[in-house]
Amino acid sequence: MKFGRRWLAAILGAMLAVSAVGCSSPNTGKASDQSGNPTPVTNREGGSEENVLVVYTARSEELNKAVISEFEKQTGIKVELVTAGTGELLKRVESEKDNPLGDILWAADRTMLASSSDLFMQYVSSEDGNMMDGFQNTTGYFSPAFADPAVFIVNTDLKGDMKIEGFEDLLNPKLKGKIAFGDPVNSSSAFQSLVAMLYAMGENNDPMSDKAWEFVDKFLKNLDGKMANSSSQVYKGVAEGEYVVGLTWEDPAAKYVKEGANVEVVFPKEGTIFPGESVQIIKNCKHPENAKKFVDFMLSEEVQNRVGSELTVRPLRKNAKLADYMTPQSQIKLFSNYDEGWVAANKLAITNKFSEHLESSMD
């Protein structure tokens, strides 16, 4: 009888492992660690956690490698990465909410995720007080780790003698059909660029003023019906000479500069915004304690300094180091009245209004 029970337990264990694999999204594949090894099934009945953490990430490969490998080394926790766009990952977390397969969502910022806060676990890191003012976890759910400022990427070969210093310059007739811009409804970077545009061109920096949306109409006409299919197409299109200028975020644009490409990063003279790209723990995840360690690690002095001095991502910890190829903070104008909470609460209203203006521009 003992042998029979052991045999049955082994069969059931194997069935559970197969079932866990079958729940993975066909688009991104089964979560696996960086060596391709599968993770054992977690014991959900209690007891100590496995040394495993499943991270859903929309961050760059360079940032993922720099942070994840060091986290594994210091903690002994094996990280399984599932990479995809923000929208796809958020849909995945939503579809798995009754049986989460991920522990961490590392994508987008509060404005993109606030309406989905019920998918996340409340946790405020002990490192939170060391973050810059305006970039602390005030909701209990979202821990800003790095900033993705809205910028222009400009092809210096194609630019010629054109002045491209701010949003107003994007209405230059010479740029018609030569501006790369994504879909703010589905792209977090395009949405942030739109929000920066609205604050910049609105009356008294009012993003919902008539003046702001009148500018959007003029901008859409200068796009000449061309919309990028993805956020990566924006910066790649500019770097490869398809477009003169693109509205994107700092990380990929600064990376091209660092590598010596014929592009430049332009912070709009009217002003820009610093979305605090955050890290959050998925509610009812299998490895909550490991997830807390990961959040703490992201905000730590060591990681913030390393990323700021070696990569092209802007850290948000107070007095963190910044590489000399990055634009100094003192040279960047930010909107004093930018309200991340308001933008988060009104995201749908903003994107709906944009869609209406986009449709009208095509008439």
Protein backbone atom coordinates (compact mmCIF):
# COMPACT_ATOMS: atom_id res chain seq x y z
CA MET A 1 0.00 0.00 0.00
CA LYS A 2 2.82 2.43 0.80
CA PHE A 3 4.30 1.80 -2.63
CA GLY A 4 0.90 2.43 -4.25
CA ARG A 5 0.45 5.76 -2.48
CA ARG A 6 3.95 6.90 -3.46
CA TRP A 7 3.36 5.86 -7.07
CA LEU A 8 0.05 7.77 -7.14
CA ALA A 9 1.67 10.89 -5.64
CA ALA A 10 4.40 10.80 -8.26
CA ILE A 11 1.84 10.55 -11.09
CA LEU A 12 -0.23 13.43 -9.65
CA GLY A 13 2.91 15.55 -9.30
CA ALA A 14 3.80 14.97 -12.92
CA MET A 15 0.25 15.86 -14.00
CA LEU A 16 0.40 19.13 -12.05
CA ALA A 17 3.72 20.04 -13.65
CA VAL A 18 2.30 19.45 -17.14
CA SER A 19 -0.79 21.50 -16.24
CA ALA A 20 1.39 24.42 -15.13
CA VAL A 21 3.19 24.40 -18.47
CA GLY A 22 -0.12 24.30 -20.33
CA CYS A 23 -1.27 27.54 -18.69
CA SER A 24 1.50 29.55 -20.34
CA SER A 25 0.58 32.03 -23.06
CA PRO A 26 1.15 30.72 -26.59
CA ASN A 27 2.49 34.13 -27.58
CA THR A 28 5.31 34.36 -25.07
CA GLY A 29 5.84 30.71 -24.30
CA LYS A 30 6.41 29.05 -20.98
CA ALA A 31 8.28 31.09 -18.40
CA SER A 32 11.81 29.73 -18.15
CA ASP A 33 15.00 30.82 -16.49
CA GLN A 34 17.91 32.31 -18.41
CA SER A 35 19.50 28.90 -18.88
CA GLY A 36 16.25 27.47 -20.25
CA ASN A 37 15.60 25.19 -17.27
CA PRO A 38 11.98 24.76 -16.13
CA THR A 39 10.95 25.70 -12.62
CA PRO A 40 9.59 23.13 -10.15
CA VAL A 41 5.92 23.50 -9.22
CA THR A 42 5.44 25.71 -6.19
CA ASN A 43 3.93 24.23 -3.06
CA ARG A 44 0.85 26.39 -2.47
CA GLU A 45 -0.01 24.66 0.79
CA GLY A 46 2.44 26.71 2.84
CA GLY A 47 6.01 26.24 3.93
CA SER A 48 9.08 28.08 2.77
CA GLU A 49 9.19 29.54 -0.72
CA GLU A 50 11.33 28.12 -3.49
CA ASN A 51 14.32 30.19 -4.54
CA VAL A 52 12.43 31.22 -7.66
CA LEU A 53 10.91 34.47 -8.93
CA VAL A 54 8.87 34.89 -12.14
CA VAL A 55 9.23 38.39 -13.57
CA TYR A 56 7.02 39.72 -16.35
CA THR A 57 9.05 42.52 -17.91
CA ALA A 58 8.68 45.06 -20.69
CA ARG A 59 12.05 46.58 -19.90
CA SER A 60 15.03 46.59 -22.26
CA GLU A 61 17.20 43.50 -22.60
CA GLU A 62 20.20 45.51 -21.41
CA LEU A 63 18.46 46.61 -18.22
CA ASN A 64 17.04 43.16 -17.56
CA LYS A 65 20.48 41.54 -17.84
CA ALA A 66 22.22 44.12 -15.69
CA VAL A 67 19.75 43.91 -12.84
CA ILE A 68 18.56 40.30 -12.92
CA SER A 69 21.97 38.63 -12.95
CA GLU A 70 23.13 40.63 -9.93
CA PHE A 71 19.90 39.91 -8.05
CA GLU A 72 20.36 36.19 -8.64
CA LYS A 73 23.97 36.35 -7.53
CA GLN A 74 23.25 38.21 -4.30
CA THR A 75 20.09 36.37 -3.25
CA GLY A 76 20.44 32.89 -4.71
CA ILE A 77 16.95 33.31 -6.17
CA LYS A 78 16.59 32.08 -9.74
CA VAL A 79 14.67 34.54 -11.91
CA GLU A 80 12.47 33.38 -14.76
CA LEU A 81 11.89 36.19 -17.29
CA VAL A 82 8.84 36.55 -19.50
CA THR A 83 9.35 39.49 -21.85
CA ALA A 84 6.68 41.24 -23.92
CA GLY A 85 5.07 44.63 -24.39
CA THR A 86 3.26 46.36 -21.54
CA GLY A 87 -0.21 45.77 -22.98
CA GLU A 88 0.38 42.06 -23.57
CA LEU A 89 1.84 41.51 -20.11
CA LEU A 90 -1.00 43.36 -18.41
CA LYS A 91 -3.53 41.21 -20.27
CA ARG A 92 -1.61 38.15 -19.15
CA VAL A 93 -1.73 39.20 -15.49
CA GLU A 94 -5.46 39.85 -15.86
CA SER A 95 -6.13 36.47 -17.45
CA GLU A 96 -4.14 34.69 -14.72
CA LYS A 97 -5.61 36.57 -11.75
CA ASP A 98 -7.30 33.44 -10.36
CA ASN A 99 -4.06 31.48 -10.60
CA PRO A 100 -1.08 33.86 -11.00
CA LEU A 101 1.91 32.38 -12.79
CA GLY A 102 4.00 35.54 -12.40
CA ASP A 103 5.26 37.27 -9.25
CA ILE A 104 6.43 40.66 -10.53
CA LEU A 105 5.15 42.98 -13.25
CA TRP A 106 7.98 45.29 -14.28
CA ALA A 107 6.39 47.48 -16.91
CA ALA A 108 4.97 50.96 -17.42
CA ASP A 109 4.06 53.41 -14.67
CA ARG A 110 1.20 54.34 -12.40
CA THR A 111 -0.69 56.24 -15.11
CA MET A 112 -0.87 53.08 -17.22
CA LEU A 113 -1.54 50.68 -14.36
CA ALA A 114 -3.70 52.54 -11.84
CA SER A 115 -6.98 51.22 -13.25
CA SER A 116 -5.64 47.68 -12.71
CA SER A 117 -4.46 48.13 -9.10
CA ASP A 118 -6.71 45.25 -8.01
CA LEU A 119 -4.24 42.92 -9.77
CA PHE A 120 -1.38 43.90 -7.46
CA MET A 121 -0.37 43.34 -3.85
CA GLN A 122 0.23 46.27 -1.53
CA TYR A 123 3.88 46.66 -0.55
CA VAL A 124 5.96 49.72 0.30
CA SER A 125 9.68 49.04 0.33
CA SER A 126 11.92 50.08 3.23
CA GLU A 127 13.94 51.90 0.54
CA ASP A 128 10.99 54.06 -0.48
CA GLY A 129 12.02 57.04 1.65
CA ASN A 130 15.29 57.29 -0.28
CA MET A 131 13.58 57.98 -3.60
CA MET A 132 13.28 61.47 -5.10
CA ASP A 133 10.31 63.63 -4.16
CA GLY A 134 7.41 62.84 -6.43
CA PHE A 135 8.69 59.32 -7.08
CA GLN A 136 7.71 57.52 -3.91
CA ASN A 137 5.09 54.84 -3.48
CA THR A 138 2.06 56.89 -2.40
CA THR A 139 -0.56 54.32 -3.41
CA GLY A 140 0.86 51.21 -1.73
CA TYR A 141 1.00 49.36 -5.06
CA PHE A 142 3.44 51.07 -7.42
CA SER A 143 7.14 51.54 -6.61
CA PRO A 144 8.82 53.88 -9.13
CA ALA A 145 12.32 52.60 -9.82
CA PHE A 146 13.54 54.40 -12.94
CA ALA A 147 12.31 57.30 -15.05
CA ASP A 148 11.48 57.22 -18.73
CA PRO A 149 11.32 60.90 -19.70
CA ALA A 150 9.42 61.76 -22.86
CA VAL A 151 11.95 63.01 -25.47
CA PHE A 152 12.52 63.48 -29.19
CA ILE A 153 15.04 61.37 -31.06
CA VAL A 154 16.38 63.32 -34.05
CA ASN A 155 18.36 62.03 -37.02
CA THR A 156 21.20 64.55 -37.29
CA ASP A 157 21.99 63.60 -40.91
CA LEU A 158 18.43 64.26 -42.09
CA LYS A 159 17.78 67.24 -39.88
CA GLY A 160 19.89 69.65 -41.93
CA ASP A 161 19.35 73.23 -40.82
CA MET A 162 15.90 72.54 -39.35
CA LYS A 163 15.34 73.66 -35.78
CA ILE A 164 13.86 70.82 -33.72
CA GLU A 165 13.93 72.00 -30.12
CA GLY A 166 10.35 71.68 -28.98
CA PHE A 167 6.79 70.63 -29.80
CA GLU A 168 6.10 73.80 -31.79
CA ASP A 169 8.87 72.84 -34.21
CA LEU A 170 7.03 69.62 -35.08
CA LEU A 171 4.55 71.66 -37.12
CA ASN A 172 7.26 72.60 -39.63
CA PRO A 173 5.86 71.73 -43.11
CA LYS A 174 9.28 70.26 -43.99
CA LEU A 175 8.57 67.51 -41.43
CA LYS A 176 5.25 66.44 -42.93
CA GLY A 177 5.20 62.65 -43.09
CA LYS A 178 8.66 62.49 -41.50
CA ILE A 179 7.63 62.29 -37.83
CA ALA A 180 7.47 58.93 -36.04
CA PHE A 181 4.72 58.62 -33.44
CA GLY A 182 3.02 55.55 -31.97
CA ASP A 183 -0.52 54.84 -30.83
CA PRO A 184 -1.21 56.39 -27.38
CA VAL A 185 -4.11 53.99 -26.88
CA ASN A 186 -1.86 50.92 -26.86
CA SER A 187 1.68 52.23 -26.37
CA SER A 188 2.77 53.54 -22.96
CA SER A 189 5.61 55.58 -24.49
CA ALA A 190 3.30 57.18 -27.08
CA PHE A 191 0.78 57.97 -24.35
CA GLN A 192 3.45 59.69 -22.27
CA SER A 193 4.60 61.68 -25.31
CA LEU A 194 0.99 62.76 -25.90
CA VAL A 195 0.61 63.81 -22.27
CA ALA A 196 3.84 65.83 -22.44
CA MET A 197 2.55 67.48 -25.64
CA LEU A 198 -0.77 68.38 -24.00
CA TYR A 199 0.89 69.91 -20.95
CA ALA A 200 3.39 71.76 -23.15
CA MET A 201 0.90 73.27 -25.57
CA GLY A 202 -2.12 73.69 -23.31
CA GLU A 203 -3.19 77.05 -21.95
CA ASN A 204 -1.39 77.50 -18.61
CA ASN A 205 -0.09 73.93 -19.06
CA ASP A 206 -3.67 72.63 -18.92
CA PRO A 207 -3.62 69.29 -20.81
CA MET A 208 -7.36 69.34 -21.49
CA SER A 209 -7.64 72.93 -22.69
CA ASP A 210 -8.91 73.70 -26.18
CA LYS A 211 -5.51 75.13 -27.05
CA ALA A 212 -3.82 71.81 -26.23
CA TRP A 213 -6.12 69.80 -28.49
CA GLU A 214 -5.96 72.37 -31.27
CA PHE A 215 -2.22 71.71 -31.32
CA VAL A 216 -2.87 67.96 -31.46
CA ASP A 217 -5.00 68.50 -34.57
CA LYS A 218 -2.17 70.39 -36.28
CA PHE A 219 0.35 67.76 -35.22
CA LEU A 220 -1.79 64.93 -36.60
CA LYS A 221 -2.04 66.69 -39.96
CA ASN A 222 1.75 66.89 -40.10
CA LEU A 223 1.98 63.15 -39.43
CA ASP A 224 0.27 62.80 -42.81
CA GLY A 225 -1.54 59.63 -41.78
CA LYS A 226 1.59 57.79 -40.70
CA MET A 227 1.49 56.05 -37.30
CA ALA A 228 4.20 53.71 -36.06
CA ASN A 229 3.08 50.12 -35.45
CA SER A 230 5.14 49.79 -32.27
CA SER A 231 7.19 51.86 -29.85
CA SER A 232 10.41 50.34 -31.20
CA GLN A 233 9.54 51.37 -34.74
CA VAL A 234 9.69 55.01 -33.61
CA TYR A 235 13.32 55.12 -32.51
CA LYS A 236 14.51 52.51 -35.00
CA GLY A 237 12.79 54.37 -37.83
CA VAL A 238 14.62 57.58 -36.95
CA ALA A 239 18.00 55.90 -36.44
CA GLU A 240 17.68 54.07 -39.76
CA GLY A 241 16.72 57.20 -41.69
CA GLU A 242 13.03 56.52 -42.31
CA TYR A 243 12.01 59.53 -40.21
CA VAL A 244 13.67 62.78 -39.21
CA VAL A 245 12.27 62.92 -35.69
CA GLY A 246 10.41 60.57 -33.36
CA LEU A 247 8.53 60.98 -30.09
CA THR A 248 9.86 58.33 -27.75
CA TRP A 249 11.43 57.83 -24.32
CA GLU A 250 14.99 58.51 -23.24
CA ASP A 251 16.42 55.02 -22.79
CA PRO A 252 16.57 53.77 -26.41
CA ALA A 253 17.39 57.23 -27.77
CA ALA A 254 20.26 57.73 -25.33
CA LYS A 255 21.53 54.24 -26.12
CA TYR A 256 21.91 55.19 -29.79
CA VAL A 257 23.86 58.29 -28.72
CA LYS A 258 26.07 56.21 -26.45
CA GLU A 259 26.83 53.84 -29.34
CA GLY A 260 27.78 56.69 -31.67
CA ALA A 261 24.75 56.71 -33.98
CA ASN A 262 23.94 59.88 -35.92
CA VAL A 263 21.07 60.85 -33.65
CA GLU A 264 20.54 63.23 -30.78
CA VAL A 265 18.23 63.30 -27.77
CA VAL A 266 16.13 66.43 -27.45
CA PHE A 267 14.24 67.35 -24.31
CA PRO A 268 11.43 69.66 -25.52
CA LYS A 269 12.12 73.27 -24.55
CA GLU A 270 8.49 73.74 -23.48
CA GLY A 271 8.97 70.99 -20.90
CA THR A 272 8.55 67.26 -20.47
CA ILE A 273 7.43 64.69 -17.91
CA PHE A 274 9.27 62.01 -15.95
CA PRO A 275 7.00 58.95 -15.73
CA GLY A 276 8.23 56.84 -12.82
CA GLU A 277 8.49 53.39 -14.38
CA SER A 278 7.49 51.17 -11.51
CA VAL A 279 7.79 47.63 -10.26
CA GLN A 280 4.83 45.91 -8.63
CA ILE A 281 4.02 42.59 -6.99
CA ILE A 282 1.24 40.53 -8.53
CA LYS A 283 -1.58 39.80 -6.10
CA ASN A 284 -1.70 36.22 -4.74
CA CYS A 285 1.58 35.36 -6.44
CA LYS A 286 3.41 32.19 -5.49
CA HIS A 287 6.61 33.87 -4.24
CA PRO A 288 5.60 37.07 -2.39
CA GLU A 289 8.65 37.21 -0.09
CA ASN A 290 11.03 36.83 -3.02
CA ALA A 291 9.05 39.52 -4.82
CA LYS A 292 9.50 41.92 -1.90
CA LYS A 293 13.26 41.32 -2.04
CA PHE A 294 13.19 42.16 -5.72
CA VAL A 295 11.40 45.48 -5.15
CA ASP A 296 13.89 46.38 -2.39
CA PHE A 297 16.76 45.47 -4.70
CA MET A 298 15.45 47.68 -7.54
CA LEU A 299 15.37 50.71 -5.23
CA SER A 300 18.69 50.03 -3.50
CA GLU A 301 21.60 52.47 -3.69
CA GLU A 302 23.80 49.88 -5.39
CA VAL A 303 21.37 49.18 -8.25
CA GLN A 304 20.32 52.79 -8.74
CA ASN A 305 23.97 53.94 -8.96
CA ARG A 306 25.00 51.11 -11.24
CA VAL A 307 22.14 51.61 -13.68
CA GLY A 308 22.56 55.39 -13.68
CA SER A 309 26.31 55.30 -14.32
CA GLU A 310 26.51 52.37 -16.76
CA LEU A 311 23.27 52.25 -18.74
CA THR A 312 20.91 54.75 -20.40
CA VAL A 313 18.14 54.54 -17.80
CA ARG A 314 17.56 57.43 -15.42
CA PRO A 315 17.56 56.38 -11.72
CA LEU A 316 15.06 57.87 -9.28
CA ARG A 317 16.93 57.49 -6.00
CA LYS A 318 18.12 60.72 -4.39
CA ASN A 319 21.70 61.63 -5.39
CA ALA A 320 22.10 58.57 -7.61
CA LYS A 321 25.02 58.66 -10.04
CA LEU A 322 24.38 59.62 -13.68
CA ALA A 323 26.65 58.88 -16.67
CA ASP A 324 28.18 61.84 -18.50
CA TYR A 325 26.53 60.82 -21.80
CA MET A 326 23.11 61.43 -20.18
CA THR A 327 21.53 64.90 -20.20
CA PRO A 328 22.09 66.52 -16.78
CA GLN A 329 18.97 66.99 -14.71
CA SER A 330 19.66 70.74 -14.52
CA GLN A 331 19.16 71.04 -18.30
CA ILE A 332 15.72 69.46 -18.32
CA LYS A 333 12.55 71.50 -17.86
CA LEU A 334 9.73 69.71 -16.08
CA PHE A 335 6.13 70.85 -15.71
CA SER A 336 5.56 72.04 -12.15
CA ASN A 337 1.84 71.24 -12.36
CA TYR A 338 2.20 67.71 -13.76
CA ASP A 339 -0.04 65.43 -11.70
CA GLU A 340 0.60 61.73 -12.17
CA GLY A 341 -2.48 60.84 -10.12
CA TRP A 342 -4.71 63.01 -12.30
CA VAL A 343 -3.26 61.53 -15.49
CA ALA A 344 -3.82 58.01 -14.15
CA ALA A 345 -7.44 58.78 -13.29
CA ASN A 346 -8.08 60.42 -16.67
CA LYS A 347 -6.12 58.10 -18.96
CA LEU A 348 -9.23 56.74 -20.64
CA ALA A 349 -10.65 60.22 -21.19
CA ILE A 350 -7.37 61.35 -22.76
CA THR A 351 -7.04 58.36 -25.09
CA ASN A 352 -10.71 58.54 -26.10
CA LYS A 353 -10.34 62.20 -26.95
CA PHE A 354 -7.19 61.47 -28.93
CA SER A 355 -9.01 58.78 -30.92
CA GLU A 356 -11.77 61.25 -31.77
CA HIS A 357 -9.25 63.83 -33.00
CA LEU A 358 -7.33 61.16 -34.93
CA GLU A 359 -10.52 60.07 -36.70
CA SER A 360 -11.39 63.68 -37.54
CA SER A 361 -7.89 64.24 -38.99
CA MET A 362 -8.51 61.47 -41.50
CA ASP A 363 -11.68 63.01 -42.91
